[in-house]
Amino acid sequence: MKIRCIANTGDRLPENYLDPRVGYTKELKFPLTIGKEYAVYALYTWQGEVWYYICDDNYIYYPQENPAPLFEVVDSRVSQYWQIEIAENGLLTMAFTEWFYQPYFYDKLTDKEEAEVEFFAQVKDLMDAEFKSQESYQEMGEIACKF
């Protein structure tokens, strides 16, 4: 899945995405470049909100969650590495297997645990290559439509 940034400030978010307690205010500037495309490594939706985990412009070694209203979807095909989980509370998550089955994977990743950082780097490479091949597939489809 690929998305393109169409806005990078909190004032472009619907009210339900704003939460000053955790820093999501109208004044917030996200580390995103308008017009840039980003690969989605995971996503979740809950209570009418959708959040994408992407490697934003401040990317170091793990993906950050960003609110969906800041983007438009440019390639809606999902990764072959994703699975879906729906929690009892209604939280729907799409991510690679270890996100679900390795306890506290994302917490360990953000804490810079070596095994998780290394694993995500490998998954990121696989998904990036997959998205590039999807771009080639789209280009082939566009060429075929001309005939």
C-alpha atoms as a PDB file:
ATOM      1  CA  MET A   1       0.000   0.000   0.000  1.00  0.00           C
ATOM      2  CA  LYS A   2       1.267   3.448  -0.884  1.00  0.00           C
ATOM      3  CA  ILE A   3      -0.024   6.820   0.199  1.00  0.00           C
ATOM      4  CA  ARG A   4       0.758  10.403  -0.829  1.00  0.00           C
ATOM      5  CA  CYS A   5       0.930  13.264   1.651  1.00  0.00           C
ATOM      6  CA  ILE A   6      -1.658  15.984   0.958  1.00  0.00           C
ATOM      7  CA  ALA A   7      -1.246  17.935   4.220  1.00  0.00           C
ATOM      8  CA  ASN A   8       1.197  18.026   7.120  1.00  0.00           C
ATOM      9  CA  THR A   9      -0.392  20.163   9.835  1.00  0.00           C
ATOM     10  CA  GLY A  10      -2.900  19.476  12.572  1.00  0.00           C
ATOM     11  CA  ASP A  11      -5.260  22.162  11.332  1.00  0.00           C
ATOM     12  CA  ARG A  12      -6.104  19.841   8.416  1.00  0.00           C
ATOM     13  CA  LEU A  13      -7.277  17.045  10.732  1.00  0.00           C
ATOM     14  CA  PRO A  14     -10.904  16.337  11.632  1.00  0.00           C
ATOM     15  CA  GLU A  15     -11.760  17.129  15.261  1.00  0.00           C
ATOM     16  CA  ASN A  16     -11.878  13.457  16.285  1.00  0.00           C
ATOM     17  CA  TYR A  17      -8.143  13.119  15.494  1.00  0.00           C
ATOM     18  CA  LEU A  18      -7.129  16.040  17.708  1.00  0.00           C
ATOM     19  CA  ASP A  19      -6.104  15.243  21.283  1.00  0.00           C
ATOM     20  CA  PRO A  20      -4.008  17.895  23.053  1.00  0.00           C
ATOM     21  CA  ARG A  21      -3.228  15.429  25.888  1.00  0.00           C
ATOM     22  CA  VAL A  22      -0.944  13.513  23.516  1.00  0.00           C
ATOM     23  CA  GLY A  23       0.209  16.450  21.389  1.00  0.00           C
ATOM     24  CA  TYR A  24      -2.259  16.228  18.506  1.00  0.00           C
ATOM     25  CA  THR A  25      -3.252  19.887  18.179  1.00  0.00           C
ATOM     26  CA  LYS A  26      -4.135  22.161  15.253  1.00  0.00           C
ATOM     27  CA  GLU A  27      -0.649  23.694  15.590  1.00  0.00           C
ATOM     28  CA  LEU A  28       1.203  20.386  15.200  1.00  0.00           C
ATOM     29  CA  LYS A  29       3.465  20.103  12.139  1.00  0.00           C
ATOM     30  CA  PHE A  30       4.060  16.519  11.080  1.00  0.00           C
ATOM     31  CA  PRO A  31       7.448  15.453   9.634  1.00  0.00           C
ATOM     32  CA  LEU A  32       5.914  14.825   6.213  1.00  0.00           C
ATOM     33  CA  THR A  33       6.538  16.276   2.761  1.00  0.00           C
ATOM     34  CA  ILE A  34       3.458  17.287   0.787  1.00  0.00           C
ATOM     35  CA  GLY A  35       3.386  15.379  -2.504  1.00  0.00           C
ATOM     36  CA  LYS A  36       5.762  12.656  -1.300  1.00  0.00           C
ATOM     37  CA  GLU A  37       4.688   9.012  -1.452  1.00  0.00           C
ATOM     38  CA  TYR A  38       5.176   6.728   1.543  1.00  0.00           C
ATOM     39  CA  ALA A  39       4.951   2.951   1.892  1.00  0.00           C
ATOM     40  CA  VAL A  40       2.557   1.775   4.610  1.00  0.00           C
ATOM     41  CA  TYR A  41       4.115  -0.871   6.876  1.00  0.00           C
ATOM     42  CA  ALA A  42       1.070  -1.295   9.130  1.00  0.00           C
ATOM     43  CA  LEU A  43      -2.232   0.415   9.814  1.00  0.00           C
ATOM     44  CA  TYR A  44      -5.007   0.395  12.329  1.00  0.00           C
ATOM     45  CA  THR A  45      -8.539   1.672  12.511  1.00  0.00           C
ATOM     46  CA  TRP A  46     -10.573   2.245  15.624  1.00  0.00           C
ATOM     47  CA  GLN A  47     -13.621   4.331  16.449  1.00  0.00           C
ATOM     48  CA  GLY A  48     -13.745   5.880  12.995  1.00  0.00           C
ATOM     49  CA  GLU A  49     -10.067   6.820  12.805  1.00  0.00           C
ATOM     50  CA  VAL A  50      -7.418   5.319  10.513  1.00  0.00           C
ATOM     51  CA  TRP A  51      -3.695   5.570  11.282  1.00  0.00           C
ATOM     52  CA  TYR A  52      -0.814   4.550   9.018  1.00  0.00           C
ATOM     53  CA  TYR A  53       2.602   3.374  10.219  1.00  0.00           C
ATOM     54  CA  ILE A  54       5.109   4.880   7.791  1.00  0.00           C
ATOM     55  CA  CYS A  55       8.744   5.887   7.728  1.00  0.00           C
ATOM     56  CA  ASP A  56       8.208   9.643   7.805  1.00  0.00           C
ATOM     57  CA  ASP A  57      10.798  12.349   7.146  1.00  0.00           C
ATOM     58  CA  ASN A  58      12.327  11.819  10.621  1.00  0.00           C
ATOM     59  CA  TYR A  59      12.747   8.048  10.068  1.00  0.00           C
ATOM     60  CA  ILE A  60      15.515   6.487  12.108  1.00  0.00           C
ATOM     61  CA  TYR A  61      14.758   2.772  12.545  1.00  0.00           C
ATOM     62  CA  TYR A  62      11.014   2.263  13.096  1.00  0.00           C
ATOM     63  CA  PRO A  63       7.749   3.426  11.475  1.00  0.00           C
ATOM     64  CA  GLN A  64       5.629   6.107  13.153  1.00  0.00           C
ATOM     65  CA  GLU A  65       1.849   6.349  13.206  1.00  0.00           C
ATOM     66  CA  ASN A  66       0.336   9.187  11.196  1.00  0.00           C
ATOM     67  CA  PRO A  67      -3.345  10.103  10.763  1.00  0.00           C
ATOM     68  CA  ALA A  68      -4.933   9.034   7.480  1.00  0.00           C
ATOM     69  CA  PRO A  69      -6.587  12.402   6.673  1.00  0.00           C
ATOM     70  CA  LEU A  70      -3.108  13.762   5.855  1.00  0.00           C
ATOM     71  CA  PHE A  71      -2.848  11.360   2.902  1.00  0.00           C
ATOM     72  CA  GLU A  72      -4.500  10.044  -0.214  1.00  0.00           C
ATOM     73  CA  VAL A  73      -4.137   6.395  -1.182  1.00  0.00           C
ATOM     74  CA  VAL A  74      -2.228   5.978  -4.446  1.00  0.00           C
ATOM     75  CA  ASP A  75      -1.945   2.168  -4.402  1.00  0.00           C
ATOM     76  CA  SER A  76      -4.571   0.343  -2.357  1.00  0.00           C
ATOM     77  CA  ARG A  77      -3.175  -3.156  -2.779  1.00  0.00           C
ATOM     78  CA  VAL A  78      -2.151  -4.636   0.548  1.00  0.00           C
ATOM     79  CA  SER A  79       1.202  -6.211   1.242  1.00  0.00           C
ATOM     80  CA  GLN A  80       1.548  -9.959   0.907  1.00  0.00           C
ATOM     81  CA  TYR A  81       3.285  -9.810   4.313  1.00  0.00           C
ATOM     82  CA  TRP A  82       0.249  -8.390   6.122  1.00  0.00           C
ATOM     83  CA  GLN A  83      -2.229 -10.177   8.306  1.00  0.00           C
ATOM     84  CA  ILE A  84      -5.408  -8.778   9.814  1.00  0.00           C
ATOM     85  CA  GLU A  85      -6.419  -8.879  13.445  1.00  0.00           C
ATOM     86  CA  ILE A  86      -9.660  -7.609  14.946  1.00  0.00           C
ATOM     87  CA  ALA A  87      -9.520  -7.189  18.717  1.00  0.00           C
ATOM     88  CA  GLU A  88     -12.532  -7.636  20.984  1.00  0.00           C
ATOM     89  CA  ASN A  89     -12.741  -3.845  21.426  1.00  0.00           C
ATOM     90  CA  GLY A  90     -13.121  -3.383  17.645  1.00  0.00           C
ATOM     91  CA  LEU A  91      -9.535  -2.320  16.899  1.00  0.00           C
ATOM     92  CA  LEU A  92      -8.634  -3.558  13.415  1.00  0.00           C
ATOM     93  CA  THR A  93      -4.917  -3.839  12.672  1.00  0.00           C
ATOM     94  CA  MET A  94      -3.150  -4.823   9.450  1.00  0.00           C
ATOM     95  CA  ALA A  95       0.555  -5.553   9.828  1.00  0.00           C
ATOM     96  CA  PHE A  96       3.254  -8.145   9.292  1.00  0.00           C
ATOM     97  CA  THR A  97       3.051 -11.346  11.352  1.00  0.00           C
ATOM     98  CA  GLU A  98       5.548 -10.509  14.101  1.00  0.00           C
ATOM     99  CA  TRP A  99       3.558  -7.386  14.996  1.00  0.00           C
ATOM    100  CA  PHE A 100       0.844  -9.718  16.323  1.00  0.00           C
ATOM    101  CA  TYR A 101       2.639 -12.838  17.431  1.00  0.00           C
ATOM    102  CA  GLN A 102       5.791 -11.554  19.043  1.00  0.00           C
ATOM    103  CA  PRO A 103       4.746 -10.048  22.401  1.00  0.00           C
ATOM    104  CA  TYR A 104       5.388  -6.282  22.566  1.00  0.00           C
ATOM    105  CA  PHE A 105       7.073  -6.248  19.148  1.00  0.00           C
ATOM    106  CA  TYR A 106       6.439  -2.554  18.451  1.00  0.00           C
ATOM    107  CA  ASP A 107       7.431  -1.533  21.990  1.00  0.00           C
ATOM    108  CA  LYS A 108      10.682  -3.463  21.656  1.00  0.00           C
ATOM    109  CA  LEU A 109      11.264  -1.945  18.218  1.00  0.00           C
ATOM    110  CA  THR A 110      10.827   1.606  19.513  1.00  0.00           C
ATOM    111  CA  ASP A 111      13.082   0.749  22.473  1.00  0.00           C
ATOM    112  CA  LYS A 112      15.767  -0.103  19.884  1.00  0.00           C
ATOM    113  CA  GLU A 113      16.017  -3.777  20.799  1.00  0.00           C
ATOM    114  CA  GLU A 114      18.525  -5.215  18.341  1.00  0.00           C
ATOM    115  CA  ALA A 115      16.528  -8.245  17.161  1.00  0.00           C
ATOM    116  CA  GLU A 116      13.383  -6.208  16.480  1.00  0.00           C
ATOM    117  CA  VAL A 117      15.276  -3.400  14.730  1.00  0.00           C
ATOM    118  CA  GLU A 118      17.057  -5.922  12.525  1.00  0.00           C
ATOM    119  CA  PHE A 119      13.828  -7.761  11.778  1.00  0.00           C
ATOM    120  CA  PHE A 120      11.955  -4.582  10.829  1.00  0.00           C
ATOM    121  CA  ALA A 121      14.819  -3.522   8.541  1.00  0.00           C
ATOM    122  CA  GLN A 122      14.449  -6.835   6.696  1.00  0.00           C
ATOM    123  CA  VAL A 123      10.648  -6.580   6.479  1.00  0.00           C
ATOM    124  CA  LYS A 124      10.944  -2.958   5.334  1.00  0.00           C
ATOM    125  CA  ASP A 125      13.305  -4.005   2.532  1.00  0.00           C
ATOM    126  CA  LEU A 126      10.904  -6.765   1.441  1.00  0.00           C
ATOM    127  CA  MET A 127       7.891  -4.453   1.493  1.00  0.00           C
ATOM    128  CA  ASP A 128       9.759  -1.650  -0.277  1.00  0.00           C
ATOM    129  CA  ALA A 129      10.751  -4.095  -3.031  1.00  0.00           C
ATOM    130  CA  GLU A 130       7.167  -5.341  -3.194  1.00  0.00           C
ATOM    131  CA  PHE A 131       5.813  -1.799  -3.586  1.00  0.00           C
ATOM    132  CA  LYS A 132       8.358  -1.081  -6.334  1.00  0.00           C
ATOM    133  CA  SER A 133       7.228  -4.183  -8.201  1.00  0.00           C
ATOM    134  CA  GLN A 134       3.628  -3.026  -7.743  1.00  0.00           C
ATOM    135  CA  GLU A 135       4.593   0.281  -9.381  1.00  0.00           C
ATOM    136  CA  SER A 136       5.973  -1.675 -12.338  1.00  0.00           C
ATOM    137  CA  TYR A 137       2.750  -3.686 -12.435  1.00  0.00           C
ATOM    138  CA  GLN A 138       0.698  -0.474 -12.522  1.00  0.00           C
ATOM    139  CA  GLU A 139       2.851   0.936 -15.311  1.00  0.00           C
ATOM    140  CA  MET A 140       2.307  -2.256 -17.314  1.00  0.00           C
ATOM    141  CA  GLY A 141      -1.453  -1.907 -16.760  1.00  0.00           C
ATOM    142  CA  GLU A 142      -1.392   1.692 -17.967  1.00  0.00           C
ATOM    143  CA  ILE A 143       0.510   0.663 -21.095  1.00  0.00           C
ATOM    144  CA  ALA A 144      -1.930  -2.200 -21.747  1.00  0.00           C
ATOM    145  CA  CYS A 145      -4.888   0.212 -21.478  1.00  0.00           C
ATOM    146  CA  LYS A 146      -3.495   2.199 -24.399  1.00  0.00           C
ATOM    147  CA  PHE A 147      -3.967  -0.751 -26.761  1.00  0.00           C
END
